[in-house]
Structure formats: C-alpha cells, structure tokens
Amino acid sequence: SFLNLKMGAQYSSLSDIKTNEYVSRFISEEAISTNDPFWNQFLSFSQQSPFTSTYSKLLDESCLIHLQQFVLNNPKTKNYGTLIEVFIRFANIIHDDCKKYALKKCIILK
C-alpha cells in the first residue's frame, strides 16, 4: 500500500481502513457521546509523508464505501457534530496549555 495512516494509536495501510475498528465505529449506527474514550483513540492518528495527489486519490477510493455508510448513519447518530465538539474541546485544552506554558516561561525569564 502507498499510504499508511496511524489511527487508534497504530499504523494502518489503506487496505486496513476497511477493518479499522475506530473508523467502523465512527460510521456505524451507534451514537458516540462526547465523553467516550473512543475519541482519544480515534483522534490519535498521524499520516506518514509524502502525501501526494496520487495518495489522496487512493485514500478517497479506499474510503468511498465508508463515506456512503457515514452519510446514511450520521443524521441519526450525529457523530460528525460530536466529532466537531470533541475537536473544539481538545483545541481549547491545547490552547490553554500553550498559554500556561508561555506564561510560565515569561515568569521564569524575568
């Protein structure tokens, strides 16, 4: 496979996306609450470079069936909205941590 993604704290190839438990749960008929530990694992992915248009096309093709299932299930589960809420919460935590770190560095430097 050309592209490896790290989802759920482990690397997956494009062929593994079909069986990735985190992707499967996200697109399923199950609504996932904002405080479910699932989100910590689901959002702990990384992508190995290089990421080119060819890789992007392969990724799109690999995810098409999942996207179709997600489009069908999301009106009921609202997992996309929950993902946005969780992402904003994580972004705020990181933002606050950065501000605290910067403030701490300023105090130490004085």
N, C-alpha and C. Protein backbone atom coordinates (compact mmCIF):
# COMPACT_ATOMS: atom_id res chain seq x y z
N SER A 1 0.83 -1.19 0.00
CA SER A 1 0.00 0.00 0.00
C SER A 1 0.88 1.25 0.00
N PHE A 2 0.40 2.31 -0.62
CA PHE A 2 1.19 3.52 -0.75
C PHE A 2 1.14 4.40 0.49
N LEU A 3 0.08 4.33 1.23
CA LEU A 3 -0.12 5.28 2.31
C LEU A 3 -0.39 4.54 3.60
N ASN A 4 0.23 5.01 4.65
CA ASN A 4 -0.04 4.46 5.97
C ASN A 4 -0.63 5.56 6.84
N LEU A 5 -1.68 5.23 7.54
CA LEU A 5 -2.30 6.13 8.50
C LEU A 5 -2.17 5.51 9.87
N LYS A 6 -2.01 6.34 10.86
CA LYS A 6 -1.98 5.84 12.22
C LYS A 6 -3.30 6.25 12.86
N MET A 7 -4.18 5.28 13.03
CA MET A 7 -5.49 5.55 13.63
C MET A 7 -5.65 4.63 14.81
N GLY A 8 -6.05 5.18 15.93
CA GLY A 8 -6.19 4.36 17.11
C GLY A 8 -4.83 3.95 17.64
N ALA A 9 -3.87 4.83 17.55
CA ALA A 9 -2.52 4.65 18.07
C ALA A 9 -1.74 3.52 17.40
N GLN A 10 -2.14 3.10 16.22
CA GLN A 10 -1.36 2.13 15.46
C GLN A 10 -1.48 2.43 13.97
N TYR A 11 -0.43 2.04 13.23
CA TYR A 11 -0.43 2.33 11.80
C TYR A 11 -1.34 1.38 11.06
N SER A 12 -2.03 1.91 10.08
CA SER A 12 -2.90 1.13 9.21
C SER A 12 -2.55 1.46 7.77
N SER A 13 -2.64 0.49 6.91
CA SER A 13 -2.46 0.76 5.49
C SER A 13 -3.84 1.06 4.91
N LEU A 14 -3.85 1.49 3.66
CA LEU A 14 -5.13 1.78 3.02
C LEU A 14 -6.03 0.56 3.05
N SER A 15 -5.45 -0.61 2.87
CA SER A 15 -6.28 -1.82 2.88
C SER A 15 -6.85 -2.11 4.26
N ASP A 16 -6.21 -1.61 5.31
CA ASP A 16 -6.70 -1.83 6.67
C ASP A 16 -7.87 -0.92 7.05
N ILE A 17 -8.09 0.12 6.28
CA ILE A 17 -9.16 1.06 6.61
C ILE A 17 -10.50 0.34 6.66
N LYS A 18 -10.68 -0.62 5.79
CA LYS A 18 -11.95 -1.36 5.73
C LYS A 18 -12.24 -2.09 7.04
N THR A 19 -11.20 -2.47 7.77
CA THR A 19 -11.39 -3.23 9.01
C THR A 19 -10.99 -2.45 10.25
N ASN A 20 -10.66 -1.17 10.09
CA ASN A 20 -10.25 -0.37 11.24
C ASN A 20 -11.43 -0.20 12.20
N GLU A 21 -11.25 -0.65 13.45
CA GLU A 21 -12.35 -0.64 14.41
C GLU A 21 -12.82 0.77 14.75
N TYR A 22 -11.94 1.75 14.71
CA TYR A 22 -12.33 3.11 15.06
C TYR A 22 -13.15 3.74 13.93
N VAL A 23 -12.71 3.54 12.71
CA VAL A 23 -13.47 4.03 11.56
C VAL A 23 -14.84 3.34 11.52
N SER A 24 -14.83 2.03 11.72
CA SER A 24 -16.09 1.27 11.68
C SER A 24 -17.08 1.77 12.73
N ARG A 25 -16.58 2.05 13.91
CA ARG A 25 -17.49 2.53 14.96
C ARG A 25 -17.99 3.94 14.66
N PHE A 26 -17.11 4.80 14.15
CA PHE A 26 -17.49 6.18 13.84
C PHE A 26 -18.60 6.23 12.80
N ILE A 27 -18.55 5.37 11.80
CA ILE A 27 -19.54 5.41 10.72
C ILE A 27 -20.74 4.52 10.98
N SER A 28 -20.74 3.81 12.10
CA SER A 28 -21.82 2.85 12.39
C SER A 28 -23.11 3.57 12.78
N GLU A 29 -24.11 2.79 13.15
CA GLU A 29 -25.40 3.33 13.59
C GLU A 29 -25.38 3.73 15.06
N GLU A 30 -24.22 3.58 15.71
CA GLU A 30 -24.08 3.90 17.13
C GLU A 30 -23.72 5.36 17.32
N ALA A 31 -24.48 6.06 18.14
CA ALA A 31 -24.13 7.43 18.52
C ALA A 31 -23.04 7.36 19.59
N ILE A 32 -22.00 8.15 19.42
CA ILE A 32 -20.87 8.15 20.36
C ILE A 32 -20.90 9.46 21.14
N SER A 33 -20.96 9.37 22.45
CA SER A 33 -21.06 10.58 23.28
C SER A 33 -19.73 11.33 23.31
N THR A 34 -19.80 12.60 23.64
CA THR A 34 -18.59 13.45 23.64
C THR A 34 -17.57 13.01 24.68
N ASN A 35 -18.01 12.34 25.73
CA ASN A 35 -17.06 11.94 26.78
C ASN A 35 -16.61 10.48 26.66
N ASP A 36 -16.90 9.83 25.54
CA ASP A 36 -16.49 8.45 25.33
C ASP A 36 -14.98 8.42 25.06
N PRO A 37 -14.25 7.52 25.73
CA PRO A 37 -12.80 7.40 25.50
C PRO A 37 -12.43 7.09 24.04
N PHE A 38 -13.40 6.65 23.27
CA PHE A 38 -13.21 6.39 21.84
C PHE A 38 -12.51 7.55 21.15
N TRP A 39 -12.92 8.79 21.47
CA TRP A 39 -12.41 9.95 20.76
C TRP A 39 -10.91 10.12 20.95
N ASN A 40 -10.40 9.80 22.14
CA ASN A 40 -8.95 9.92 22.36
C ASN A 40 -8.18 9.03 21.40
N GLN A 41 -8.68 7.83 21.17
CA GLN A 41 -8.02 6.92 20.25
C GLN A 41 -8.28 7.30 18.79
N PHE A 42 -9.52 7.63 18.48
CA PHE A 42 -9.88 7.96 17.11
C PHE A 42 -9.09 9.15 16.59
N LEU A 43 -8.86 10.12 17.45
CA LEU A 43 -8.17 11.34 17.03
C LEU A 43 -6.66 11.26 17.19
N SER A 44 -6.14 10.12 17.61
CA SER A 44 -4.69 9.99 17.77
C SER A 44 -4.09 9.32 16.55
N PHE A 45 -4.35 9.89 15.39
CA PHE A 45 -3.80 9.33 14.16
C PHE A 45 -2.77 10.27 13.60
N SER A 46 -1.88 9.72 12.84
CA SER A 46 -0.91 10.53 12.11
C SER A 46 -0.75 9.94 10.73
N GLN A 47 -0.29 10.74 9.87
CA GLN A 47 -0.19 10.35 8.47
C GLN A 47 1.29 10.42 8.09
N GLN A 48 1.78 9.41 7.44
CA GLN A 48 3.17 9.42 7.02
C GLN A 48 3.31 10.14 5.69
N SER A 49 4.30 10.97 5.58
CA SER A 49 4.59 11.69 4.34
C SER A 49 5.34 10.76 3.41
N PRO A 50 5.39 11.00 2.14
CA PRO A 50 4.79 12.14 1.46
C PRO A 50 3.31 11.89 1.14
N PHE A 51 2.55 12.94 1.14
CA PHE A 51 1.13 12.87 0.83
C PHE A 51 0.93 13.61 -0.47
N THR A 52 0.73 12.87 -1.55
CA THR A 52 0.61 13.46 -2.88
C THR A 52 -0.81 13.30 -3.39
N SER A 53 -1.06 13.85 -4.54
CA SER A 53 -2.40 13.73 -5.14
C SER A 53 -2.71 12.26 -5.46
N THR A 54 -1.71 11.48 -5.80
CA THR A 54 -1.93 10.05 -6.07
C THR A 54 -2.39 9.35 -4.80
N TYR A 55 -1.71 9.62 -3.70
CA TYR A 55 -2.09 9.02 -2.42
C TYR A 55 -3.48 9.48 -2.00
N SER A 56 -3.73 10.74 -2.24
CA SER A 56 -5.04 11.29 -1.90
C SER A 56 -6.15 10.57 -2.66
N LYS A 57 -5.91 10.32 -3.93
CA LYS A 57 -6.90 9.60 -4.75
C LYS A 57 -7.10 8.18 -4.24
N LEU A 58 -6.03 7.50 -3.88
CA LEU A 58 -6.12 6.15 -3.32
C LEU A 58 -6.90 6.15 -2.01
N LEU A 59 -6.65 7.15 -1.19
CA LEU A 59 -7.36 7.28 0.09
C LEU A 59 -8.85 7.51 -0.16
N ASP A 60 -9.16 8.41 -1.09
CA ASP A 60 -10.56 8.67 -1.43
C ASP A 60 -11.27 7.39 -1.89
N GLU A 61 -10.61 6.64 -2.75
CA GLU A 61 -11.20 5.41 -3.27
C GLU A 61 -11.38 4.37 -2.15
N SER A 62 -10.42 4.31 -1.23
CA SER A 62 -10.50 3.35 -0.13
C SER A 62 -11.62 3.69 0.85
N CYS A 63 -11.91 4.95 0.96
CA CYS A 63 -12.90 5.41 1.95
C CYS A 63 -14.30 5.56 1.39
N LEU A 64 -14.49 5.40 0.12
CA LEU A 64 -15.78 5.69 -0.51
C LEU A 64 -16.94 4.92 0.12
N ILE A 65 -16.79 3.64 0.33
CA ILE A 65 -17.88 2.85 0.91
C ILE A 65 -18.17 3.29 2.35
N HIS A 66 -17.10 3.64 3.08
CA HIS A 66 -17.28 4.14 4.45
C HIS A 66 -18.02 5.48 4.44
N LEU A 67 -17.65 6.32 3.50
CA LEU A 67 -18.31 7.61 3.39
C LEU A 67 -19.80 7.45 3.11
N GLN A 68 -20.14 6.52 2.24
CA GLN A 68 -21.55 6.26 1.94
C GLN A 68 -22.31 5.80 3.18
N GLN A 69 -21.69 4.90 3.95
CA GLN A 69 -22.32 4.43 5.18
C GLN A 69 -22.44 5.57 6.19
N PHE A 70 -21.41 6.40 6.28
CA PHE A 70 -21.42 7.53 7.20
C PHE A 70 -22.55 8.50 6.85
N VAL A 71 -22.71 8.79 5.56
CA VAL A 71 -23.77 9.71 5.11
C VAL A 71 -25.14 9.16 5.47
N LEU A 72 -25.32 7.87 5.40
CA LEU A 72 -26.60 7.26 5.76
C LEU A 72 -26.85 7.29 7.27
N ASN A 73 -25.82 7.06 8.06
CA ASN A 73 -25.99 6.92 9.51
C ASN A 73 -25.88 8.22 10.29
N ASN A 74 -25.13 9.19 9.78
CA ASN A 74 -24.90 10.40 10.56
C ASN A 74 -26.16 11.19 10.92
N PRO A 75 -27.18 11.27 10.08
CA PRO A 75 -28.38 12.00 10.51
C PRO A 75 -28.99 11.44 11.81
N LYS A 76 -28.81 10.15 12.02
CA LYS A 76 -29.32 9.51 13.25
C LYS A 76 -28.32 9.65 14.40
N THR A 77 -27.05 9.37 14.13
CA THR A 77 -26.04 9.34 15.21
C THR A 77 -25.51 10.72 15.57
N LYS A 78 -25.44 11.60 14.60
CA LYS A 78 -24.86 12.93 14.77
C LYS A 78 -23.39 12.86 15.22
N ASN A 79 -22.71 11.78 14.81
CA ASN A 79 -21.31 11.61 15.19
C ASN A 79 -20.40 12.69 14.60
N TYR A 80 -20.76 13.24 13.46
CA TYR A 80 -19.95 14.31 12.89
C TYR A 80 -20.00 15.55 13.79
N GLY A 81 -21.18 15.90 14.24
CA GLY A 81 -21.32 17.03 15.17
C GLY A 81 -20.58 16.78 16.46
N THR A 82 -20.64 15.54 16.94
CA THR A 82 -19.91 15.18 18.16
C THR A 82 -18.41 15.29 17.93
N LEU A 83 -17.95 14.86 16.77
CA LEU A 83 -16.53 14.99 16.42
C LEU A 83 -16.10 16.45 16.48
N ILE A 84 -16.90 17.34 15.94
CA ILE A 84 -16.58 18.77 15.96
C ILE A 84 -16.51 19.27 17.40
N GLU A 85 -17.49 18.89 18.23
CA GLU A 85 -17.48 19.29 19.64
C GLU A 85 -16.22 18.82 20.36
N VAL A 86 -15.87 17.56 20.14
CA VAL A 86 -14.68 16.98 20.79
C VAL A 86 -13.43 17.69 20.29
N PHE A 87 -13.35 17.93 18.99
CA PHE A 87 -12.19 18.61 18.42
C PHE A 87 -12.04 20.01 19.02
N ILE A 88 -13.13 20.74 19.14
CA ILE A 88 -13.07 22.09 19.73
C ILE A 88 -12.63 22.00 21.19
N ARG A 89 -13.14 21.01 21.92
CA ARG A 89 -12.72 20.84 23.32
C ARG A 89 -11.23 20.56 23.40
N PHE A 90 -10.73 19.65 22.55
CA PHE A 90 -9.30 19.35 22.55
C PHE A 90 -8.48 20.57 22.15
N ALA A 91 -8.93 21.31 21.16
CA ALA A 91 -8.22 22.52 20.73
C ALA A 91 -8.15 23.54 21.85
N ASN A 92 -9.23 23.69 22.61
CA ASN A 92 -9.23 24.63 23.73
C ASN A 92 -8.27 24.18 24.82
N ILE A 93 -8.20 22.89 25.07
CA ILE A 93 -7.26 22.37 26.07
C ILE A 93 -5.83 22.66 25.65
N ILE A 94 -5.52 22.40 24.39
CA ILE A 94 -4.18 22.66 23.88
C ILE A 94 -3.87 24.15 23.93
N HIS A 95 -4.83 24.96 23.55
CA HIS A 95 -4.66 26.42 23.59
C HIS A 95 -4.37 26.89 25.01
N ASP A 96 -5.15 26.41 25.97
CA ASP A 96 -4.95 26.80 27.37
C ASP A 96 -3.58 26.34 27.87
N ASP A 97 -3.19 25.12 27.51
CA ASP A 97 -1.88 24.61 27.92
C ASP A 97 -0.75 25.46 27.34
N CYS A 98 -0.90 25.88 26.10
CA CYS A 98 0.12 26.72 25.47
C CYS A 98 0.22 28.07 26.17
N LYS A 99 -0.93 28.65 26.51
CA LYS A 99 -0.93 29.92 27.23
C LYS A 99 -0.25 29.78 28.59
N LYS A 100 -0.56 28.70 29.30
CA LYS A 100 0.07 28.46 30.62
C LYS A 100 1.57 28.29 30.47
N TYR A 101 1.99 27.55 29.46
CA TYR A 101 3.41 27.32 29.23
C TYR A 101 4.11 28.64 28.90
N ALA A 102 3.49 29.44 28.03
CA ALA A 102 4.08 30.72 27.65
C ALA A 102 4.17 31.64 28.86
N LEU A 103 3.15 31.66 29.67
CA LEU A 103 3.16 32.49 30.87
C LEU A 103 4.24 32.01 31.83
N LYS A 104 4.37 30.74 32.00
CA LYS A 104 5.38 30.17 32.89
C LYS A 104 6.78 30.55 32.38
N LYS A 105 7.01 30.49 31.08
CA LYS A 105 8.30 30.84 30.51
C LYS A 105 8.58 32.33 30.72
N CYS A 106 7.58 33.17 30.59
CA CYS A 106 7.76 34.61 30.78
C CYS A 106 8.15 34.91 32.22
N ILE A 107 7.53 34.24 33.15
CA ILE A 107 7.82 34.46 34.57
C ILE A 107 9.24 34.00 34.89
N ILE A 108 9.64 32.87 34.35
CA ILE A 108 10.98 32.35 34.60
C ILE A 108 12.05 33.25 33.99
N LEU A 109 11.78 33.83 32.83
CA LEU A 109 12.76 34.67 32.14
C LEU A 109 12.95 36.01 32.81
N LYS A 110 12.00 36.46 33.58
CA LYS A 110 12.12 37.80 34.19
C LYS A 110 13.09 37.84 35.31
